[in-house]
N, C-alpha and C. Protein backbone atom coordinates (compact mmCIF):
# COMPACT_ATOMS: atom_id res chain seq x y z
N MET A 1 24.18 11.27 -6.70
CA MET A 1 22.81 11.61 -6.34
C MET A 1 22.63 11.56 -4.83
N SER A 2 22.10 12.63 -4.25
CA SER A 2 21.87 12.64 -2.82
C SER A 2 20.67 11.78 -2.48
N ARG A 3 20.69 11.19 -1.30
CA ARG A 3 19.59 10.34 -0.86
C ARG A 3 18.72 11.14 0.09
N ALA A 4 17.41 11.18 -0.19
CA ALA A 4 16.52 12.08 0.52
C ALA A 4 16.25 11.65 1.95
N PHE A 5 16.28 10.33 2.22
CA PHE A 5 15.84 9.82 3.51
C PHE A 5 16.90 8.92 4.14
N ALA A 6 17.09 9.07 5.46
CA ALA A 6 18.03 8.21 6.16
C ALA A 6 17.52 6.78 6.20
N ASP A 7 16.24 6.61 6.52
CA ASP A 7 15.63 5.28 6.59
C ASP A 7 14.11 5.45 6.53
N ARG A 8 13.39 4.35 6.64
CA ARG A 8 11.94 4.41 6.54
C ARG A 8 11.32 5.17 7.72
N ALA A 9 11.90 5.03 8.90
CA ALA A 9 11.35 5.72 10.07
C ALA A 9 11.39 7.24 9.87
N GLN A 10 12.53 7.74 9.39
CA GLN A 10 12.61 9.18 9.15
C GLN A 10 11.65 9.62 8.06
N ALA A 11 11.57 8.82 6.98
CA ALA A 11 10.64 9.15 5.89
C ALA A 11 9.21 9.17 6.41
N GLY A 12 8.89 8.22 7.28
CA GLY A 12 7.55 8.17 7.85
C GLY A 12 7.23 9.38 8.70
N ARG A 13 8.20 9.84 9.47
CA ARG A 13 7.97 11.02 10.31
C ARG A 13 7.75 12.27 9.45
N LEU A 14 8.55 12.40 8.40
CA LEU A 14 8.38 13.55 7.51
C LEU A 14 7.03 13.51 6.80
N LEU A 15 6.64 12.33 6.36
CA LEU A 15 5.35 12.18 5.70
C LEU A 15 4.22 12.46 6.68
N ALA A 16 4.36 11.99 7.91
CA ALA A 16 3.34 12.22 8.94
C ALA A 16 3.16 13.71 9.21
N GLN A 17 4.25 14.45 9.25
CA GLN A 17 4.15 15.90 9.47
C GLN A 17 3.36 16.57 8.36
N ARG A 18 3.60 16.17 7.13
CA ARG A 18 2.88 16.75 6.00
C ARG A 18 1.38 16.42 6.09
N LEU A 19 1.08 15.17 6.44
CA LEU A 19 -0.32 14.75 6.53
C LEU A 19 -1.03 15.41 7.71
N ALA A 20 -0.32 15.56 8.82
CA ALA A 20 -0.93 16.20 9.99
C ALA A 20 -1.33 17.64 9.70
N ALA A 21 -0.54 18.30 8.88
CA ALA A 21 -0.84 19.69 8.54
C ALA A 21 -2.13 19.82 7.73
N ALA A 22 -2.53 18.73 7.07
CA ALA A 22 -3.75 18.77 6.24
C ALA A 22 -5.02 18.72 7.08
N ARG A 23 -4.93 18.22 8.31
CA ARG A 23 -6.07 18.19 9.24
C ARG A 23 -7.30 17.54 8.60
N TYR A 24 -7.16 16.27 8.26
CA TYR A 24 -8.26 15.54 7.64
C TYR A 24 -9.40 15.34 8.64
N ASP A 25 -10.62 15.41 8.14
CA ASP A 25 -11.78 15.11 8.97
C ASP A 25 -11.81 13.62 9.27
N GLY A 26 -12.21 13.29 10.51
CA GLY A 26 -12.27 11.88 10.91
C GLY A 26 -13.57 11.24 10.47
N PRO A 27 -13.63 9.90 10.61
CA PRO A 27 -12.54 9.04 11.05
C PRO A 27 -11.45 8.89 9.98
N VAL A 28 -10.23 8.65 10.44
CA VAL A 28 -9.08 8.45 9.55
C VAL A 28 -8.55 7.04 9.78
N VAL A 29 -8.27 6.32 8.69
CA VAL A 29 -7.67 4.99 8.76
C VAL A 29 -6.41 4.99 7.91
N VAL A 30 -5.33 4.43 8.44
CA VAL A 30 -4.07 4.31 7.70
C VAL A 30 -3.91 2.86 7.26
N LEU A 31 -3.68 2.65 5.98
CA LEU A 31 -3.44 1.32 5.43
C LEU A 31 -2.03 1.29 4.84
N ALA A 32 -1.23 0.33 5.28
CA ALA A 32 0.16 0.22 4.82
C ALA A 32 0.35 -1.05 4.02
N LEU A 33 1.13 -0.95 2.94
CA LEU A 33 1.48 -2.14 2.17
C LEU A 33 2.70 -2.79 2.80
N PRO A 34 2.57 -4.06 3.19
CA PRO A 34 3.74 -4.76 3.74
C PRO A 34 4.69 -5.18 2.61
N ARG A 35 5.98 -5.30 2.92
CA ARG A 35 6.44 -5.08 4.28
C ARG A 35 7.02 -3.68 4.46
N GLY A 36 7.57 -3.12 3.41
CA GLY A 36 8.28 -1.85 3.54
C GLY A 36 7.42 -0.68 3.94
N GLY A 37 6.13 -0.73 3.63
CA GLY A 37 5.26 0.38 3.97
C GLY A 37 4.84 0.44 5.43
N VAL A 38 5.06 -0.65 6.16
CA VAL A 38 4.55 -0.70 7.54
C VAL A 38 5.30 0.24 8.49
N PRO A 39 6.65 0.32 8.44
CA PRO A 39 7.31 1.32 9.30
C PRO A 39 6.87 2.75 8.97
N ILE A 40 6.58 3.02 7.70
CA ILE A 40 6.07 4.34 7.30
C ILE A 40 4.68 4.54 7.91
N GLY A 41 3.82 3.54 7.74
CA GLY A 41 2.46 3.62 8.24
C GLY A 41 2.38 3.77 9.74
N ALA A 42 3.30 3.13 10.46
CA ALA A 42 3.29 3.22 11.92
C ALA A 42 3.55 4.66 12.37
N GLU A 43 4.48 5.33 11.71
CA GLU A 43 4.77 6.74 12.06
C GLU A 43 3.56 7.62 11.75
N VAL A 44 2.93 7.38 10.61
CA VAL A 44 1.77 8.19 10.21
C VAL A 44 0.61 7.95 11.16
N ALA A 45 0.34 6.69 11.47
CA ALA A 45 -0.79 6.37 12.35
C ALA A 45 -0.60 6.96 13.74
N ARG A 46 0.62 6.88 14.28
CA ARG A 46 0.87 7.43 15.62
C ARG A 46 0.66 8.94 15.62
N THR A 47 1.17 9.61 14.61
CA THR A 47 1.06 11.07 14.56
C THR A 47 -0.40 11.51 14.41
N LEU A 48 -1.16 10.79 13.60
CA LEU A 48 -2.55 11.18 13.35
C LEU A 48 -3.52 10.60 14.37
N GLY A 49 -3.03 9.71 15.24
CA GLY A 49 -3.92 9.07 16.20
C GLY A 49 -4.95 8.19 15.52
N ALA A 50 -4.53 7.53 14.44
CA ALA A 50 -5.45 6.74 13.62
C ALA A 50 -5.11 5.26 13.72
N PRO A 51 -6.09 4.37 13.49
CA PRO A 51 -5.79 2.94 13.45
C PRO A 51 -4.94 2.61 12.23
N LEU A 52 -4.08 1.62 12.39
CA LEU A 52 -3.22 1.15 11.30
C LEU A 52 -3.62 -0.27 10.93
N ASP A 53 -3.84 -0.50 9.67
CA ASP A 53 -4.11 -1.84 9.17
C ASP A 53 -3.23 -2.08 7.96
N LEU A 54 -3.20 -3.33 7.52
CA LEU A 54 -2.42 -3.69 6.35
C LEU A 54 -3.30 -3.72 5.11
N LEU A 55 -2.74 -3.31 4.00
CA LEU A 55 -3.38 -3.46 2.70
C LEU A 55 -2.64 -4.59 2.00
N LEU A 56 -3.21 -5.77 2.06
CA LEU A 56 -2.56 -6.97 1.55
C LEU A 56 -2.98 -7.19 0.10
N VAL A 57 -2.01 -7.24 -0.78
CA VAL A 57 -2.24 -7.36 -2.22
C VAL A 57 -1.36 -8.48 -2.76
N ARG A 58 -1.94 -9.33 -3.59
CA ARG A 58 -1.16 -10.37 -4.27
C ARG A 58 -1.31 -10.18 -5.77
N LYS A 59 -0.20 -9.95 -6.42
CA LYS A 59 -0.20 -9.80 -7.87
C LYS A 59 -0.39 -11.16 -8.53
N ILE A 60 -1.17 -11.18 -9.61
CA ILE A 60 -1.26 -12.36 -10.47
C ILE A 60 -0.48 -12.05 -11.74
N GLY A 61 0.61 -12.76 -11.92
CA GLY A 61 1.47 -12.52 -13.07
C GLY A 61 1.06 -13.38 -14.26
N ALA A 62 1.52 -12.98 -15.43
CA ALA A 62 1.28 -13.78 -16.63
C ALA A 62 1.95 -15.14 -16.48
N PRO A 63 1.40 -16.18 -17.11
CA PRO A 63 1.94 -17.54 -16.93
C PRO A 63 3.42 -17.65 -17.28
N TRP A 64 3.88 -16.91 -18.27
CA TRP A 64 5.27 -17.02 -18.74
C TRP A 64 6.17 -15.91 -18.21
N GLN A 65 5.59 -14.96 -17.45
CA GLN A 65 6.39 -13.87 -16.90
C GLN A 65 5.71 -13.39 -15.62
N ALA A 66 6.15 -13.93 -14.50
CA ALA A 66 5.47 -13.70 -13.22
C ALA A 66 5.45 -12.23 -12.81
N GLU A 67 6.44 -11.45 -13.27
CA GLU A 67 6.50 -10.05 -12.88
C GLU A 67 5.56 -9.16 -13.68
N LEU A 68 4.99 -9.69 -14.75
CA LEU A 68 4.05 -8.92 -15.57
C LEU A 68 2.65 -9.10 -15.00
N ALA A 69 2.15 -8.08 -14.33
CA ALA A 69 0.87 -8.19 -13.63
C ALA A 69 -0.29 -8.14 -14.61
N VAL A 70 -1.14 -9.16 -14.54
CA VAL A 70 -2.37 -9.16 -15.34
C VAL A 70 -3.59 -8.94 -14.45
N ALA A 71 -3.42 -9.11 -13.16
CA ALA A 71 -4.50 -8.90 -12.20
C ALA A 71 -3.90 -8.83 -10.81
N ALA A 72 -4.72 -8.50 -9.84
CA ALA A 72 -4.27 -8.49 -8.45
C ALA A 72 -5.46 -8.81 -7.56
N VAL A 73 -5.19 -9.50 -6.48
CA VAL A 73 -6.21 -9.80 -5.47
C VAL A 73 -5.90 -8.94 -4.26
N VAL A 74 -6.93 -8.24 -3.78
CA VAL A 74 -6.76 -7.26 -2.70
C VAL A 74 -7.60 -7.68 -1.51
N ASP A 75 -6.99 -7.70 -0.34
CA ASP A 75 -7.67 -8.07 0.90
C ASP A 75 -8.83 -7.12 1.17
N GLY A 76 -9.86 -7.64 1.81
CA GLY A 76 -11.01 -6.82 2.16
C GLY A 76 -12.16 -7.71 2.56
N THR A 77 -13.31 -7.11 2.86
CA THR A 77 -14.51 -7.85 3.22
C THR A 77 -15.63 -7.44 2.27
N PRO A 78 -15.80 -8.12 1.12
CA PRO A 78 -15.03 -9.30 0.69
C PRO A 78 -13.76 -8.88 -0.04
N PRO A 79 -12.84 -9.84 -0.27
CA PRO A 79 -11.67 -9.53 -1.10
C PRO A 79 -12.11 -9.18 -2.53
N GLN A 80 -11.26 -8.42 -3.23
CA GLN A 80 -11.57 -7.99 -4.59
C GLN A 80 -10.47 -8.45 -5.54
N THR A 81 -10.87 -8.88 -6.72
CA THR A 81 -9.93 -9.19 -7.79
C THR A 81 -10.04 -8.09 -8.85
N VAL A 82 -8.93 -7.43 -9.13
CA VAL A 82 -8.90 -6.36 -10.11
C VAL A 82 -8.10 -6.85 -11.31
N VAL A 83 -8.72 -6.84 -12.49
CA VAL A 83 -8.09 -7.35 -13.71
C VAL A 83 -7.60 -6.18 -14.55
N ASP A 84 -6.37 -6.27 -15.02
CA ASP A 84 -5.84 -5.28 -15.95
C ASP A 84 -6.25 -5.71 -17.36
N GLU A 85 -7.38 -5.17 -17.81
CA GLU A 85 -7.97 -5.62 -19.07
C GLU A 85 -7.04 -5.40 -20.25
N SER A 86 -6.35 -4.26 -20.27
CA SER A 86 -5.49 -3.95 -21.41
C SER A 86 -4.32 -4.93 -21.50
N THR A 87 -3.70 -5.26 -20.35
CA THR A 87 -2.59 -6.21 -20.36
C THR A 87 -3.07 -7.59 -20.75
N CYS A 88 -4.24 -7.98 -20.26
CA CYS A 88 -4.79 -9.29 -20.63
C CYS A 88 -5.04 -9.36 -22.14
N ALA A 89 -5.55 -8.28 -22.70
CA ALA A 89 -5.83 -8.26 -24.14
C ALA A 89 -4.54 -8.36 -24.95
N LEU A 90 -3.50 -7.68 -24.50
CA LEU A 90 -2.23 -7.70 -25.22
C LEU A 90 -1.53 -9.04 -25.13
N THR A 91 -1.69 -9.71 -23.99
CA THR A 91 -0.96 -10.96 -23.76
C THR A 91 -1.79 -12.20 -24.05
N GLY A 92 -3.11 -12.03 -24.18
CA GLY A 92 -3.96 -13.19 -24.43
C GLY A 92 -4.23 -14.03 -23.21
N VAL A 93 -4.00 -13.50 -22.02
CA VAL A 93 -4.28 -14.25 -20.79
C VAL A 93 -5.80 -14.39 -20.64
N SER A 94 -6.25 -15.59 -20.37
CA SER A 94 -7.68 -15.87 -20.32
C SER A 94 -8.27 -15.61 -18.94
N PRO A 95 -9.57 -15.34 -18.88
CA PRO A 95 -10.24 -15.22 -17.57
C PRO A 95 -10.10 -16.49 -16.74
N GLY A 96 -10.08 -17.64 -17.41
CA GLY A 96 -9.93 -18.90 -16.68
C GLY A 96 -8.61 -19.00 -15.94
N TYR A 97 -7.54 -18.52 -16.57
CA TYR A 97 -6.24 -18.53 -15.90
C TYR A 97 -6.27 -17.65 -14.65
N ILE A 98 -6.81 -16.45 -14.78
CA ILE A 98 -6.88 -15.55 -13.64
C ILE A 98 -7.70 -16.17 -12.52
N GLU A 99 -8.84 -16.76 -12.88
CA GLU A 99 -9.69 -17.39 -11.87
C GLU A 99 -8.94 -18.49 -11.13
N SER A 100 -8.10 -19.23 -11.84
CA SER A 100 -7.35 -20.33 -11.22
C SER A 100 -6.31 -19.84 -10.23
N GLN A 101 -5.90 -18.58 -10.36
CA GLN A 101 -4.86 -18.03 -9.48
C GLN A 101 -5.43 -17.31 -8.27
N VAL A 102 -6.74 -17.09 -8.24
CA VAL A 102 -7.33 -16.31 -7.15
C VAL A 102 -7.24 -17.06 -5.82
N ALA A 103 -7.58 -18.33 -5.81
CA ALA A 103 -7.58 -19.09 -4.55
C ALA A 103 -6.19 -19.15 -3.91
N PRO A 104 -5.12 -19.46 -4.66
CA PRO A 104 -3.78 -19.42 -4.04
C PRO A 104 -3.42 -18.03 -3.51
N ALA A 105 -3.84 -16.98 -4.23
CA ALA A 105 -3.55 -15.63 -3.76
C ALA A 105 -4.27 -15.34 -2.46
N LEU A 106 -5.52 -15.77 -2.35
CA LEU A 106 -6.28 -15.56 -1.12
C LEU A 106 -5.67 -16.33 0.05
N ARG A 107 -5.16 -17.52 -0.22
CA ARG A 107 -4.51 -18.28 0.85
C ARG A 107 -3.28 -17.56 1.37
N GLU A 108 -2.50 -16.97 0.46
CA GLU A 108 -1.31 -16.25 0.88
C GLU A 108 -1.68 -14.98 1.63
N ILE A 109 -2.73 -14.29 1.21
CA ILE A 109 -3.20 -13.11 1.93
C ILE A 109 -3.61 -13.48 3.35
N GLU A 110 -4.35 -14.59 3.48
CA GLU A 110 -4.79 -15.01 4.81
C GLU A 110 -3.61 -15.43 5.67
N ARG A 111 -2.61 -16.09 5.05
CA ARG A 111 -1.41 -16.47 5.81
C ARG A 111 -0.71 -15.24 6.37
N ARG A 112 -0.61 -14.20 5.54
CA ARG A 112 0.06 -12.99 6.00
C ARG A 112 -0.75 -12.27 7.08
N ARG A 113 -2.07 -12.23 6.90
CA ARG A 113 -2.89 -11.59 7.92
C ARG A 113 -2.78 -12.33 9.24
N GLN A 114 -2.74 -13.65 9.19
CA GLN A 114 -2.59 -14.45 10.40
C GLN A 114 -1.22 -14.19 11.04
N ALA A 115 -0.17 -14.17 10.20
CA ALA A 115 1.18 -13.99 10.73
C ALA A 115 1.38 -12.60 11.33
N TYR A 116 0.85 -11.57 10.66
CA TYR A 116 1.11 -10.20 11.09
C TYR A 116 0.08 -9.69 12.09
N LEU A 117 -1.17 -10.15 11.95
CA LEU A 117 -2.27 -9.56 12.74
C LEU A 117 -3.07 -10.62 13.49
N SER A 118 -2.51 -11.83 13.60
CA SER A 118 -3.19 -12.93 14.30
C SER A 118 -4.60 -13.15 13.77
N GLY A 119 -4.77 -12.95 12.45
CA GLY A 119 -6.05 -13.22 11.83
C GLY A 119 -7.08 -12.13 11.97
N ARG A 120 -6.73 -10.98 12.58
CA ARG A 120 -7.70 -9.90 12.75
C ARG A 120 -8.27 -9.49 11.40
N ARG A 121 -9.57 -9.30 11.35
CA ARG A 121 -10.22 -8.94 10.10
C ARG A 121 -9.88 -7.50 9.73
N PRO A 122 -10.01 -7.15 8.45
CA PRO A 122 -9.67 -5.79 8.02
C PRO A 122 -10.50 -4.73 8.72
N VAL A 123 -9.89 -3.59 8.98
CA VAL A 123 -10.59 -2.44 9.55
C VAL A 123 -11.61 -1.93 8.53
N ASP A 124 -12.79 -1.57 9.01
CA ASP A 124 -13.83 -1.04 8.13
C ASP A 124 -13.42 0.36 7.67
N VAL A 125 -13.42 0.58 6.37
CA VAL A 125 -13.00 1.89 5.84
C VAL A 125 -14.18 2.67 5.26
N ALA A 126 -15.37 2.10 5.28
CA ALA A 126 -16.53 2.79 4.70
C ALA A 126 -16.76 4.12 5.41
N GLY A 127 -16.84 5.19 4.65
CA GLY A 127 -17.10 6.51 5.22
C GLY A 127 -15.90 7.18 5.85
N ALA A 128 -14.73 6.55 5.79
CA ALA A 128 -13.54 7.11 6.44
C ALA A 128 -12.63 7.79 5.41
N THR A 129 -11.76 8.67 5.92
CA THR A 129 -10.63 9.15 5.13
C THR A 129 -9.54 8.09 5.23
N VAL A 130 -9.23 7.46 4.12
CA VAL A 130 -8.28 6.35 4.09
C VAL A 130 -6.97 6.84 3.49
N ILE A 131 -5.89 6.69 4.25
CA ILE A 131 -4.57 7.10 3.79
C ILE A 131 -3.76 5.84 3.51
N VAL A 132 -3.43 5.62 2.26
CA VAL A 132 -2.67 4.44 1.82
C VAL A 132 -1.20 4.83 1.73
N VAL A 133 -0.35 4.08 2.43
CA VAL A 133 1.07 4.43 2.48
C VAL A 133 1.95 3.26 2.05
N ASP A 134 3.07 3.61 1.45
CA ASP A 134 4.13 2.65 1.14
C ASP A 134 5.44 3.40 1.25
N ASP A 135 6.57 2.67 1.13
CA ASP A 135 7.87 3.35 1.25
C ASP A 135 8.29 4.00 -0.05
N GLY A 136 7.51 3.81 -1.10
CA GLY A 136 7.77 4.42 -2.39
C GLY A 136 7.00 3.67 -3.46
N ILE A 137 6.94 4.26 -4.64
CA ILE A 137 6.26 3.64 -5.76
C ILE A 137 7.18 3.75 -6.98
N ALA A 138 7.24 2.66 -7.75
CA ALA A 138 8.00 2.69 -9.00
C ALA A 138 7.03 2.70 -10.19
N THR A 139 6.60 1.52 -10.63
CA THR A 139 5.67 1.47 -11.76
C THR A 139 4.23 1.74 -11.35
N GLY A 140 3.86 1.36 -10.13
CA GLY A 140 2.52 1.64 -9.62
C GLY A 140 1.46 0.63 -10.02
N THR A 141 1.83 -0.46 -10.68
CA THR A 141 0.83 -1.42 -11.16
C THR A 141 0.04 -2.04 -10.02
N THR A 142 0.75 -2.55 -9.02
CA THR A 142 0.07 -3.19 -7.89
C THR A 142 -0.70 -2.16 -7.07
N MET A 143 -0.13 -0.98 -6.88
CA MET A 143 -0.82 0.07 -6.14
C MET A 143 -2.12 0.47 -6.83
N ARG A 144 -2.09 0.56 -8.14
CA ARG A 144 -3.30 0.94 -8.88
C ARG A 144 -4.42 -0.07 -8.63
N ALA A 145 -4.09 -1.35 -8.65
CA ALA A 145 -5.10 -2.38 -8.37
C ALA A 145 -5.63 -2.25 -6.95
N ALA A 146 -4.74 -2.00 -6.01
CA ALA A 146 -5.15 -1.86 -4.61
C ALA A 146 -6.11 -0.68 -4.44
N LEU A 147 -5.82 0.43 -5.09
CA LEU A 147 -6.66 1.62 -4.96
C LEU A 147 -8.02 1.40 -5.61
N LYS A 148 -8.05 0.72 -6.76
CA LYS A 148 -9.32 0.42 -7.40
C LYS A 148 -10.19 -0.44 -6.50
N ALA A 149 -9.59 -1.44 -5.86
CA ALA A 149 -10.35 -2.31 -4.96
C ALA A 149 -10.83 -1.55 -3.73
N LEU A 150 -10.01 -0.65 -3.23
CA LEU A 150 -10.41 0.13 -2.06
C LEU A 150 -11.64 1.00 -2.34
N ARG A 151 -11.73 1.52 -3.54
CA ARG A 151 -12.89 2.33 -3.90
C ARG A 151 -14.19 1.56 -3.70
N LEU A 152 -14.15 0.25 -3.91
CA LEU A 152 -15.34 -0.58 -3.77
C LEU A 152 -15.74 -0.76 -2.31
N ARG A 153 -14.87 -0.36 -1.38
CA ARG A 153 -15.20 -0.42 0.05
C ARG A 153 -15.74 0.92 0.56
N HIS A 154 -15.95 1.85 -0.34
CA HIS A 154 -16.67 3.11 -0.08
C HIS A 154 -16.04 4.02 0.97
N PRO A 155 -14.74 4.31 0.83
CA PRO A 155 -14.18 5.36 1.71
C PRO A 155 -14.76 6.71 1.33
N ARG A 156 -14.80 7.62 2.30
CA ARG A 156 -15.26 8.97 1.99
C ARG A 156 -14.22 9.71 1.18
N ARG A 157 -12.94 9.52 1.54
CA ARG A 157 -11.84 10.18 0.84
C ARG A 157 -10.67 9.22 0.80
N LEU A 158 -10.00 9.16 -0.34
CA LEU A 158 -8.88 8.24 -0.53
C LEU A 158 -7.63 9.05 -0.83
N VAL A 159 -6.63 8.89 0.05
CA VAL A 159 -5.39 9.65 -0.05
C VAL A 159 -4.23 8.67 -0.23
N LEU A 160 -3.42 8.90 -1.23
CA LEU A 160 -2.19 8.12 -1.43
C LEU A 160 -1.03 8.94 -0.91
N ALA A 161 -0.25 8.36 0.02
CA ALA A 161 0.84 9.10 0.66
C ALA A 161 2.12 8.26 0.64
N VAL A 162 3.16 8.77 -0.01
CA VAL A 162 4.43 8.06 -0.11
C VAL A 162 5.58 9.06 -0.01
N PRO A 163 6.73 8.61 0.47
CA PRO A 163 7.88 9.51 0.51
C PRO A 163 8.43 9.86 -0.87
N VAL A 164 8.42 8.88 -1.80
CA VAL A 164 9.10 9.11 -3.07
C VAL A 164 8.43 8.31 -4.18
N ALA A 165 8.31 8.92 -5.35
CA ALA A 165 7.75 8.25 -6.52
C ALA A 165 8.03 9.11 -7.75
N PRO A 166 8.06 8.52 -8.94
CA PRO A 166 8.24 9.30 -10.16
C PRO A 166 6.96 10.03 -10.53
N ALA A 167 7.10 11.20 -11.11
CA ALA A 167 5.95 12.04 -11.44
C ALA A 167 5.01 11.37 -12.43
N ASP A 168 5.54 10.63 -13.40
CA ASP A 168 4.66 10.01 -14.40
C ASP A 168 3.78 8.93 -13.79
N THR A 169 4.32 8.18 -12.82
CA THR A 169 3.52 7.17 -12.13
C THR A 169 2.42 7.83 -11.31
N LEU A 170 2.76 8.91 -10.62
CA LEU A 170 1.76 9.61 -9.82
C LEU A 170 0.65 10.19 -10.69
N ALA A 171 1.00 10.63 -11.88
CA ALA A 171 -0.01 11.17 -12.79
C ALA A 171 -1.05 10.11 -13.15
N VAL A 172 -0.60 8.88 -13.34
CA VAL A 172 -1.53 7.78 -13.64
C VAL A 172 -2.38 7.44 -12.41
N LEU A 173 -1.75 7.36 -11.25
CA LEU A 173 -2.46 6.99 -10.03
C LEU A 173 -3.42 8.07 -9.57
N GLY A 174 -3.20 9.30 -10.02
CA GLY A 174 -4.08 10.39 -9.62
C GLY A 174 -5.54 10.17 -9.97
N ALA A 175 -5.79 9.35 -11.00
CA ALA A 175 -7.16 9.06 -11.40
C ALA A 175 -7.88 8.15 -10.41
N GLU A 176 -7.11 7.49 -9.52
CA GLU A 176 -7.69 6.52 -8.60
C GLU A 176 -7.94 7.08 -7.21
N VAL A 177 -7.44 8.27 -6.91
CA VAL A 177 -7.52 8.81 -5.55
C VAL A 177 -8.04 10.23 -5.57
N ASP A 178 -8.37 10.72 -4.38
CA ASP A 178 -8.80 12.10 -4.24
C ASP A 178 -7.63 13.05 -4.04
N GLU A 179 -6.52 12.51 -3.52
CA GLU A 179 -5.37 13.35 -3.22
C GLU A 179 -4.11 12.50 -3.19
N ILE A 180 -3.00 13.08 -3.61
CA ILE A 180 -1.70 12.44 -3.50
C ILE A 180 -0.78 13.33 -2.68
N VAL A 181 -0.10 12.73 -1.70
CA VAL A 181 0.92 13.42 -0.94
C VAL A 181 2.23 12.67 -1.17
N CYS A 182 3.19 13.32 -1.81
CA CYS A 182 4.48 12.71 -2.11
C CYS A 182 5.57 13.72 -1.81
N LEU A 183 6.53 13.34 -0.97
CA LEU A 183 7.56 14.28 -0.54
C LEU A 183 8.59 14.56 -1.62
N GLU A 184 8.96 13.56 -2.40
CA GLU A 184 10.01 13.71 -3.41
C GLU A 184 9.57 13.06 -4.71
N GLN A 185 9.78 13.79 -5.83
CA GLN A 185 9.51 13.24 -7.15
C GLN A 185 10.77 13.43 -8.02
N PRO A 186 11.82 12.70 -7.73
CA PRO A 186 13.11 12.93 -8.41
C PRO A 186 13.07 12.50 -9.87
N PHE A 187 13.90 13.16 -10.65
CA PHE A 187 14.11 12.77 -12.05
C PHE A 187 15.60 12.86 -12.36
N PRO A 188 16.20 11.81 -12.85
CA PRO A 188 15.61 10.49 -13.10
C PRO A 188 15.32 9.77 -11.79
N PHE A 189 14.38 8.82 -11.86
CA PHE A 189 13.92 8.18 -10.62
C PHE A 189 14.82 7.04 -10.17
N HIS A 190 15.22 6.17 -11.04
CA HIS A 190 15.95 4.94 -10.71
C HIS A 190 15.05 4.04 -9.85
N ALA A 191 15.56 3.49 -8.77
CA ALA A 191 14.80 2.58 -7.91
C ALA A 191 14.43 3.28 -6.61
N ILE A 192 13.43 2.74 -5.92
CA ILE A 192 13.00 3.33 -4.64
C ILE A 192 14.17 3.38 -3.67
N GLY A 193 14.90 2.27 -3.56
CA GLY A 193 15.99 2.19 -2.60
C GLY A 193 17.10 3.19 -2.84
N ALA A 194 17.20 3.72 -4.05
CA ALA A 194 18.24 4.70 -4.35
C ALA A 194 18.03 6.01 -3.61
N HIS A 195 16.86 6.20 -3.04
CA HIS A 195 16.54 7.46 -2.36
C HIS A 195 16.56 7.33 -0.84
N TYR A 196 17.06 6.18 -0.36
CA TYR A 196 17.24 5.94 1.07
C TYR A 196 18.70 5.58 1.34
N VAL A 197 19.21 6.03 2.48
CA VAL A 197 20.53 5.56 2.92
C VAL A 197 20.42 4.12 3.40
N ASP A 198 19.44 3.84 4.25
CA ASP A 198 19.19 2.49 4.76
C ASP A 198 17.87 2.01 4.16
N PHE A 199 17.95 1.03 3.28
CA PHE A 199 16.75 0.48 2.65
C PHE A 199 16.81 -1.05 2.74
N HIS A 200 17.08 -1.55 3.94
CA HIS A 200 17.17 -2.99 4.13
C HIS A 200 15.79 -3.63 3.96
N GLN A 201 15.80 -4.92 3.65
CA GLN A 201 14.53 -5.65 3.53
C GLN A 201 13.90 -5.78 4.90
N VAL A 202 12.67 -5.33 5.02
CA VAL A 202 11.97 -5.36 6.30
C VAL A 202 11.57 -6.80 6.61
N SER A 203 11.87 -7.26 7.81
CA SER A 203 11.55 -8.62 8.22
C SER A 203 10.13 -8.72 8.75
N ASP A 204 9.63 -9.95 8.86
CA ASP A 204 8.31 -10.17 9.47
C ASP A 204 8.29 -9.65 10.90
N ASP A 205 9.37 -9.85 11.64
CA ASP A 205 9.42 -9.38 13.03
C ASP A 205 9.32 -7.86 13.10
N GLU A 206 9.95 -7.16 12.15
CA GLU A 206 9.85 -5.70 12.12
C GLU A 206 8.43 -5.24 11.82
N VAL A 207 7.76 -5.96 10.93
CA VAL A 207 6.36 -5.63 10.61
C VAL A 207 5.51 -5.76 11.86
N ILE A 208 5.65 -6.86 12.56
CA ILE A 208 4.85 -7.11 13.76
C ILE A 208 5.14 -6.07 14.83
N ALA A 209 6.43 -5.74 15.01
CA ALA A 209 6.81 -4.74 16.02
C ALA A 209 6.24 -3.36 15.66
N ALA A 210 6.27 -2.99 14.38
CA ALA A 210 5.74 -1.69 13.96
C ALA A 210 4.24 -1.63 14.17
N LEU A 211 3.54 -2.71 13.85
CA LEU A 211 2.10 -2.74 14.07
C LEU A 211 1.76 -2.62 15.55
N ASP A 212 2.54 -3.30 16.38
CA ASP A 212 2.29 -3.23 17.82
C ASP A 212 2.57 -1.83 18.35
N ALA A 213 3.63 -1.20 17.86
CA ALA A 213 3.99 0.15 18.32
C ALA A 213 2.93 1.17 17.94
N ALA A 214 2.19 0.90 16.86
CA ALA A 214 1.19 1.85 16.39
C ALA A 214 -0.13 1.69 17.10
N LYS A 215 -0.31 0.65 17.91
CA LYS A 215 -1.57 0.45 18.62
C LYS A 215 -1.75 1.52 19.70
N PRO A 216 -2.99 1.91 19.98
CA PRO A 216 -3.24 2.77 21.14
C PRO A 216 -2.77 2.05 22.41
N PRO A 217 -2.28 2.79 23.42
CA PRO A 217 -1.75 2.15 24.63
C PRO A 217 -2.68 1.14 25.27
N ALA A 218 -3.97 1.41 25.29
CA ALA A 218 -4.91 0.53 25.98
C ALA A 218 -5.07 -0.82 25.30
N SER A 219 -4.72 -0.90 24.00
CA SER A 219 -4.94 -2.14 23.27
C SER A 219 -3.68 -2.96 23.10
N ARG A 220 -2.55 -2.50 23.63
CA ARG A 220 -1.31 -3.27 23.48
C ARG A 220 -1.28 -4.45 24.41
């Protein structure tokens, strides 16, 4: 199987070119999911001349299977908790359990915002064209929660933009956004990293450097 992208920087540049051609009405805000989405978001934000912020999401897993998402807490003003009602019904997870996990999730979100952005509050997205980026999507569970929460912050237009994702996942996520921009929809999909030559784990230092590189010159 050929790999579509050399690395995240190249994927970000290709995605930015596609988005630039759309000529979205301003204001435009780019939100990246850390950590892998930040190098993508930095390329998009620079090309579009838009501010870059992080979309910080903490999954709440079932008590006996942490990878099975029953809810997610999404950064914002105020933060939002999105519950997957169908999964909760199937697994019997109680509202009390989810409530007990919200405070630890918020602490981790704040820790990451402090580490990556020195505690800067989220960029206001109300009335803006918001472009949500990541380095790829597999199941889309966490992304779906993030998009649902973003809707509550009243963007004018919500765009999901990723280099690679499976078509069936995008079909589900299409209900949450106004537009999807995806460069590759391979079948079979396998894993996100299978479509990159270099898919190393992005470090905290790389996240901080990418965010700094995306700032307008006057604010660096």
